[in-house]
Amino acid sequence: MSSSGFAEQPHVKAFFDGAAEGVEELSEEISRRTFAELYDEIDAAARRRPGVTFAAAALAGFALFRFLKASKMRPVPRSRAVLPIEVFPTPDL
């Protein structure tokens, strides 16, 4: 990850550099652990903070619902549908 675009803004550059280092450390930590170790840690955290766990699950469920709802095709309302020209009445001249 590069922060060279923020050379004139040292605080922003430092923030993004720190965030990139944190993500790299997290990915290294995850790659060193087994699935069972990760599961045990998540389970322990969920038992320590059940309210936060419930809120996170509710938020994830809501986001998934909105994503699935937005991805299916919706019918075009009749007021905005393009109608063929033959539908409109033409005056007799």
N, C-alpha and C. Protein backbone atom coordinates (compact mmCIF):
# COMPACT_ATOMS: atom_id res chain seq x y z
N MET A 1 0.85 -1.17 0.00
CA MET A 1 0.00 0.00 0.00
C MET A 1 0.90 1.23 0.00
N SER A 2 0.55 2.23 -0.76
CA SER A 2 1.39 3.41 -0.89
C SER A 2 0.66 4.64 -0.37
N SER A 3 1.42 5.47 0.34
CA SER A 3 0.86 6.73 0.83
C SER A 3 1.62 7.91 0.24
N SER A 4 2.23 7.71 -0.92
CA SER A 4 3.04 8.77 -1.52
C SER A 4 2.20 9.97 -1.94
N GLY A 5 0.92 9.80 -2.18
CA GLY A 5 0.05 10.90 -2.56
C GLY A 5 -0.21 11.87 -1.43
N PHE A 6 0.13 11.49 -0.20
CA PHE A 6 -0.11 12.34 0.96
C PHE A 6 1.18 12.96 1.48
N ALA A 7 2.17 13.17 0.63
CA ALA A 7 3.47 13.69 1.06
C ALA A 7 3.34 15.07 1.69
N GLU A 8 2.44 15.91 1.20
CA GLU A 8 2.28 17.25 1.74
C GLU A 8 1.39 17.28 2.98
N GLN A 9 0.80 16.16 3.36
CA GLN A 9 -0.05 16.09 4.55
C GLN A 9 0.48 14.98 5.46
N PRO A 10 1.44 15.29 6.33
CA PRO A 10 2.10 14.25 7.12
C PRO A 10 1.18 13.52 8.10
N HIS A 11 0.16 14.20 8.64
CA HIS A 11 -0.74 13.53 9.57
C HIS A 11 -1.58 12.47 8.87
N VAL A 12 -2.06 12.81 7.69
CA VAL A 12 -2.87 11.85 6.92
C VAL A 12 -1.99 10.69 6.48
N LYS A 13 -0.77 10.99 6.04
CA LYS A 13 0.17 9.95 5.61
C LYS A 13 0.46 9.00 6.77
N ALA A 14 0.71 9.54 7.96
CA ALA A 14 1.00 8.71 9.13
C ALA A 14 -0.20 7.84 9.49
N PHE A 15 -1.40 8.39 9.37
CA PHE A 15 -2.61 7.62 9.66
C PHE A 15 -2.74 6.42 8.72
N PHE A 16 -2.58 6.67 7.41
CA PHE A 16 -2.73 5.57 6.45
C PHE A 16 -1.58 4.58 6.55
N ASP A 17 -0.38 5.05 6.85
CA ASP A 17 0.74 4.12 7.06
C ASP A 17 0.47 3.21 8.26
N GLY A 18 -0.03 3.79 9.34
CA GLY A 18 -0.36 3.00 10.52
C GLY A 18 -1.48 2.01 10.26
N ALA A 19 -2.49 2.43 9.52
CA ALA A 19 -3.60 1.53 9.19
C ALA A 19 -3.11 0.38 8.32
N ALA A 20 -2.22 0.66 7.37
CA ALA A 20 -1.69 -0.40 6.50
C ALA A 20 -0.85 -1.39 7.31
N GLU A 21 -0.06 -0.89 8.23
CA GLU A 21 0.73 -1.78 9.08
C GLU A 21 -0.19 -2.65 9.95
N GLY A 22 -1.26 -2.06 10.48
CA GLY A 22 -2.20 -2.83 11.28
C GLY A 22 -2.87 -3.93 10.50
N VAL A 23 -3.24 -3.65 9.26
CA VAL A 23 -3.87 -4.67 8.42
C VAL A 23 -2.88 -5.79 8.11
N GLU A 24 -1.63 -5.42 7.84
CA GLU A 24 -0.60 -6.44 7.57
C GLU A 24 -0.37 -7.32 8.80
N GLU A 25 -0.31 -6.71 9.98
CA GLU A 25 -0.12 -7.49 11.21
C GLU A 25 -1.30 -8.42 11.45
N LEU A 26 -2.52 -7.93 11.21
CA LEU A 26 -3.71 -8.76 11.39
C LEU A 26 -3.69 -9.94 10.44
N SER A 27 -3.33 -9.70 9.18
CA SER A 27 -3.31 -10.80 8.21
C SER A 27 -2.25 -11.83 8.57
N GLU A 28 -1.09 -11.38 9.08
CA GLU A 28 -0.05 -12.32 9.51
C GLU A 28 -0.52 -13.13 10.72
N GLU A 29 -1.20 -12.46 11.64
CA GLU A 29 -1.71 -13.15 12.83
C GLU A 29 -2.74 -14.20 12.45
N ILE A 30 -3.63 -13.89 11.53
CA ILE A 30 -4.65 -14.84 11.09
C ILE A 30 -4.01 -16.01 10.37
N SER A 31 -3.01 -15.75 9.54
CA SER A 31 -2.39 -16.84 8.77
C SER A 31 -1.59 -17.79 9.66
N ARG A 32 -1.15 -17.36 10.84
CA ARG A 32 -0.40 -18.22 11.76
C ARG A 32 -1.31 -19.13 12.58
N ARG A 33 -2.57 -18.82 12.68
CA ARG A 33 -3.47 -19.57 13.55
C ARG A 33 -4.28 -20.60 12.77
N THR A 34 -4.71 -21.62 13.48
CA THR A 34 -5.58 -22.63 12.87
C THR A 34 -7.02 -22.15 12.98
N PHE A 35 -7.89 -22.83 12.26
CA PHE A 35 -9.30 -22.48 12.31
C PHE A 35 -9.86 -22.68 13.72
N ALA A 36 -9.43 -23.75 14.39
CA ALA A 36 -9.92 -24.03 15.75
C ALA A 36 -9.51 -22.92 16.71
N GLU A 37 -8.29 -22.40 16.59
CA GLU A 37 -7.84 -21.32 17.46
C GLU A 37 -8.65 -20.04 17.21
N LEU A 38 -8.89 -19.73 15.95
CA LEU A 38 -9.69 -18.55 15.63
C LEU A 38 -11.11 -18.70 16.16
N TYR A 39 -11.69 -19.88 15.98
CA TYR A 39 -13.05 -20.13 16.46
C TYR A 39 -13.13 -19.97 17.98
N ASP A 40 -12.13 -20.52 18.69
CA ASP A 40 -12.12 -20.42 20.16
C ASP A 40 -12.02 -18.96 20.62
N GLU A 41 -11.22 -18.16 19.94
CA GLU A 41 -11.11 -16.75 20.31
C GLU A 41 -12.40 -15.98 20.05
N ILE A 42 -13.02 -16.25 18.91
CA ILE A 42 -14.29 -15.58 18.60
C ILE A 42 -15.37 -15.99 19.58
N ASP A 43 -15.40 -17.28 19.93
CA ASP A 43 -16.37 -17.79 20.89
C ASP A 43 -16.17 -17.13 22.26
N ALA A 44 -14.92 -17.02 22.69
CA ALA A 44 -14.64 -16.39 23.98
C ALA A 44 -15.04 -14.92 23.98
N ALA A 45 -14.76 -14.21 22.88
CA ALA A 45 -15.12 -12.80 22.79
C ALA A 45 -16.65 -12.64 22.80
N ALA A 46 -17.34 -13.55 22.13
CA ALA A 46 -18.81 -13.48 22.10
C ALA A 46 -19.40 -13.74 23.49
N ARG A 47 -18.78 -14.62 24.25
CA ARG A 47 -19.27 -14.90 25.60
C ARG A 47 -18.98 -13.74 26.56
N ARG A 48 -17.88 -13.02 26.33
CA ARG A 48 -17.56 -11.88 27.19
C ARG A 48 -18.49 -10.70 26.93
N ARG A 49 -18.87 -10.49 25.66
CA ARG A 49 -19.68 -9.32 25.28
C ARG A 49 -20.88 -9.76 24.43
N PRO A 50 -21.89 -10.37 25.04
CA PRO A 50 -23.03 -10.87 24.25
C PRO A 50 -23.84 -9.75 23.59
N GLY A 51 -23.91 -8.59 24.20
CA GLY A 51 -24.66 -7.47 23.59
C GLY A 51 -24.02 -7.00 22.30
N VAL A 52 -22.70 -6.88 22.32
CA VAL A 52 -21.98 -6.46 21.12
C VAL A 52 -22.12 -7.53 20.04
N THR A 53 -22.06 -8.80 20.44
CA THR A 53 -22.22 -9.89 19.49
C THR A 53 -23.60 -9.85 18.84
N PHE A 54 -24.63 -9.63 19.64
CA PHE A 54 -25.98 -9.55 19.10
C PHE A 54 -26.12 -8.37 18.14
N ALA A 55 -25.57 -7.22 18.52
CA ALA A 55 -25.65 -6.04 17.66
C ALA A 55 -24.90 -6.26 16.34
N ALA A 56 -23.73 -6.90 16.41
CA ALA A 56 -22.97 -7.17 15.19
C ALA A 56 -23.72 -8.15 14.29
N ALA A 57 -24.33 -9.16 14.89
CA ALA A 57 -25.10 -10.13 14.09
C ALA A 57 -26.32 -9.47 13.46
N ALA A 58 -26.99 -8.60 14.21
CA ALA A 58 -28.15 -7.90 13.66
C ALA A 58 -27.75 -6.97 12.53
N LEU A 59 -26.65 -6.26 12.69
CA LEU A 59 -26.16 -5.37 11.65
C LEU A 59 -25.76 -6.15 10.40
N ALA A 60 -25.08 -7.28 10.59
CA ALA A 60 -24.68 -8.11 9.45
C ALA A 60 -25.90 -8.67 8.74
N GLY A 61 -26.90 -9.09 9.49
CA GLY A 61 -28.13 -9.61 8.89
C GLY A 61 -28.87 -8.54 8.11
N PHE A 62 -28.94 -7.34 8.67
CA PHE A 62 -29.60 -6.23 7.97
C PHE A 62 -28.87 -5.89 6.68
N ALA A 63 -27.52 -5.84 6.74
CA ALA A 63 -26.74 -5.54 5.54
C ALA A 63 -26.93 -6.62 4.48
N LEU A 64 -26.95 -7.87 4.89
CA LEU A 64 -27.17 -8.97 3.94
C LEU A 64 -28.57 -8.87 3.33
N PHE A 65 -29.57 -8.57 4.15
CA PHE A 65 -30.94 -8.41 3.65
C PHE A 65 -31.02 -7.30 2.62
N ARG A 66 -30.41 -6.14 2.92
CA ARG A 66 -30.44 -5.01 1.98
C ARG A 66 -29.71 -5.35 0.68
N PHE A 67 -28.59 -6.06 0.79
CA PHE A 67 -27.84 -6.45 -0.39
C PHE A 67 -28.66 -7.39 -1.27
N LEU A 68 -29.28 -8.40 -0.66
CA LEU A 68 -30.07 -9.36 -1.43
C LEU A 68 -31.33 -8.70 -2.01
N LYS A 69 -31.93 -7.80 -1.26
CA LYS A 69 -33.12 -7.11 -1.74
C LYS A 69 -32.77 -6.19 -2.91
N ALA A 70 -31.64 -5.53 -2.85
CA ALA A 70 -31.23 -4.61 -3.92
C ALA A 70 -30.78 -5.35 -5.17
N SER A 71 -30.33 -6.58 -5.03
CA SER A 71 -29.78 -7.29 -6.18
C SER A 71 -30.85 -7.94 -7.05
N LYS A 72 -32.07 -8.13 -6.52
CA LYS A 72 -33.09 -8.75 -7.37
C LYS A 72 -33.77 -7.70 -8.24
N MET A 73 -34.25 -8.12 -9.38
CA MET A 73 -34.87 -7.18 -10.32
C MET A 73 -36.22 -6.72 -9.79
N ARG A 74 -36.45 -5.45 -9.91
CA ARG A 74 -37.73 -4.88 -9.50
C ARG A 74 -38.49 -4.46 -10.75
N PRO A 75 -39.80 -4.59 -10.73
CA PRO A 75 -40.57 -4.17 -11.91
C PRO A 75 -40.52 -2.65 -12.07
N VAL A 76 -40.61 -2.20 -13.30
CA VAL A 76 -40.62 -0.77 -13.59
C VAL A 76 -42.04 -0.26 -13.35
N PRO A 77 -42.20 0.80 -12.58
CA PRO A 77 -43.55 1.33 -12.36
C PRO A 77 -44.18 1.75 -13.68
N ARG A 78 -45.46 1.55 -13.81
CA ARG A 78 -46.18 1.85 -15.05
C ARG A 78 -46.01 3.31 -15.45
N SER A 79 -45.91 4.19 -14.47
CA SER A 79 -45.79 5.62 -14.77
C SER A 79 -44.46 5.94 -15.45
N ARG A 80 -43.47 5.08 -15.32
CA ARG A 80 -42.17 5.34 -15.92
C ARG A 80 -41.84 4.38 -17.05
N ALA A 81 -42.74 3.49 -17.35
CA ALA A 81 -42.49 2.52 -18.40
C ALA A 81 -42.57 3.19 -19.76
N VAL A 82 -41.76 2.70 -20.67
CA VAL A 82 -41.80 3.21 -22.04
C VAL A 82 -42.91 2.47 -22.77
N LEU A 83 -43.86 3.21 -23.29
CA LEU A 83 -45.00 2.59 -23.98
C LEU A 83 -44.81 2.70 -25.49
N PRO A 84 -45.24 1.68 -26.21
CA PRO A 84 -45.14 1.78 -27.66
C PRO A 84 -46.03 2.90 -28.19
N ILE A 85 -45.69 3.43 -29.33
CA ILE A 85 -46.41 4.56 -29.89
C ILE A 85 -47.86 4.22 -30.20
N GLU A 86 -48.13 2.98 -30.57
CA GLU A 86 -49.51 2.59 -30.93
C GLU A 86 -50.48 2.73 -29.77
N VAL A 87 -50.01 2.78 -28.58
CA VAL A 87 -50.88 2.86 -27.41
C VAL A 87 -51.52 4.23 -27.31
N PHE A 88 -50.81 5.27 -27.71
CA PHE A 88 -51.34 6.61 -27.59
C PHE A 88 -52.42 6.85 -28.66
N PRO A 89 -53.55 7.42 -28.30
CA PRO A 89 -54.58 7.70 -29.31
C PRO A 89 -54.11 8.81 -30.26
N THR A 90 -54.40 8.63 -31.51
CA THR A 90 -54.06 9.67 -32.50
C THR A 90 -55.35 10.30 -33.00
N PRO A 91 -55.37 11.61 -33.09
CA PRO A 91 -56.59 12.29 -33.55
C PRO A 91 -56.81 12.05 -35.04
N ASP A 92 -58.04 11.92 -35.44
CA ASP A 92 -58.38 11.77 -36.86
C ASP A 92 -58.37 13.15 -37.50
N LEU A 93 -57.64 13.30 -38.55
CA LEU A 93 -57.58 14.58 -39.23
C LEU A 93 -58.39 14.61 -40.49
